[in-house]
Amino acid sequence: MPIAIFLFVIFNRLFFAVMPLLFTIVNKTHDYSLNRWDAPHYLWIAQHGYTNIGDERNFIVFQPLFPYSIRILSTLGFELVTAAT
């Protein structure tokens, strides 16, 4: 029984990791996964960093691990949106 649960979890992880990539390839757009909710804010933080002036000072509530990992991948040559996917 535990092996079935393990395989189910692995399959779901792979499915939800591959679907946005396939959508991006087929539709030639990134709007599927990165144009709603908090994603634009994370992309802004990854590109500009945190600030304490303007409306962007409210972005301090977002955790830094995801934007910094996007930033690291973008320095390795990936586009910001591709690194976030």
Protein backbone atom coordinates (compact mmCIF):
# COMPACT_ATOMS: atom_id res chain seq x y z
CA MET A 1 0.00 0.00 0.00
CA PRO A 2 2.72 2.60 0.78
CA ILE A 3 4.32 2.06 -2.64
CA ALA A 4 1.00 2.90 -4.32
CA ILE A 5 0.76 6.14 -2.36
CA PHE A 6 4.38 6.95 -3.18
CA LEU A 7 3.81 6.38 -6.91
CA PHE A 8 0.62 8.45 -6.80
CA VAL A 9 2.45 11.36 -5.19
CA ILE A 10 5.33 11.15 -7.68
CA PHE A 11 2.91 11.02 -10.62
CA ASN A 12 0.99 14.04 -9.35
CA ARG A 13 4.19 16.03 -8.82
CA LEU A 14 5.39 15.26 -12.33
CA PHE A 15 1.98 15.99 -13.84
CA PHE A 16 1.65 19.40 -12.22
CA ALA A 17 5.26 20.25 -13.03
CA VAL A 18 4.94 19.33 -16.71
CA MET A 19 1.49 20.79 -17.47
CA PRO A 20 2.51 24.48 -17.29
CA LEU A 21 5.54 23.71 -19.43
CA LEU A 22 3.40 21.97 -22.06
CA PHE A 23 0.89 24.81 -21.98
CA THR A 24 3.70 27.30 -22.52
CA ILE A 25 5.11 25.34 -25.46
CA VAL A 26 1.74 24.81 -27.15
CA ASN A 27 0.33 28.32 -26.66
CA LYS A 28 3.66 30.20 -26.75
CA THR A 29 2.62 32.21 -23.69
CA HIS A 30 3.38 32.19 -19.99
CA ASP A 31 -0.05 33.39 -18.91
CA TYR A 32 -1.11 29.98 -17.57
CA SER A 33 0.93 29.95 -14.41
CA LEU A 34 2.45 33.38 -13.94
CA ASN A 35 -0.22 35.97 -14.52
CA ARG A 36 -2.40 35.69 -11.46
CA TRP A 37 -2.45 35.93 -7.70
CA ASP A 38 0.98 36.61 -6.20
CA ALA A 39 3.15 35.64 -9.16
CA PRO A 40 3.66 39.18 -10.57
CA HIS A 41 4.77 40.32 -7.13
CA TYR A 42 7.30 37.50 -6.82
CA LEU A 43 8.63 38.26 -10.29
CA TRP A 44 8.98 41.94 -9.37
CA ILE A 45 10.90 41.02 -6.22
CA ALA A 46 13.13 38.66 -8.21
CA GLN A 47 13.91 41.39 -10.70
CA HIS A 48 14.23 44.43 -8.43
CA GLY A 49 14.65 43.09 -4.90
CA TYR A 50 12.92 44.37 -1.80
CA THR A 51 12.46 48.10 -1.25
CA ASN A 52 11.12 50.37 1.46
CA ILE A 53 9.66 53.12 -0.75
CA GLY A 54 6.49 53.29 -2.83
CA ASP A 55 3.78 50.66 -2.99
CA GLU A 56 6.41 47.96 -3.40
CA ARG A 57 7.33 48.37 0.28
CA ASN A 58 4.28 46.19 0.99
CA PHE A 59 5.97 43.28 -0.79
CA ILE A 60 7.93 42.62 2.40
CA VAL A 61 5.18 40.14 3.34
CA PHE A 62 6.36 37.76 0.59
CA GLN A 63 8.87 35.13 1.66
CA PRO A 64 12.33 35.54 0.04
CA LEU A 65 13.20 31.95 -0.96
CA PHE A 66 11.15 31.81 -4.16
CA PRO A 67 12.20 35.21 -5.55
CA TYR A 68 15.84 34.56 -4.73
CA SER A 69 15.76 31.14 -6.40
CA ILE A 70 14.23 32.79 -9.48
CA ARG A 71 17.00 35.38 -9.39
CA ILE A 72 19.70 32.70 -9.16
CA LEU A 73 18.26 30.78 -12.11
CA SER A 74 17.97 33.97 -14.13
CA THR A 75 21.65 34.71 -13.55
CA LEU A 76 22.41 31.26 -14.98
CA GLY A 77 20.82 32.31 -18.27
CA PHE A 78 17.12 31.56 -17.89
CA GLU A 79 14.47 34.23 -18.50
CA LEU A 80 12.70 35.38 -15.33
CA VAL A 81 9.37 33.80 -16.27
CA THR A 82 11.01 30.55 -17.35
CA ALA A 83 13.01 30.39 -14.14
CA ALA A 84 9.84 30.83 -12.11
CA THR A 85 8.06 28.04 -13.94
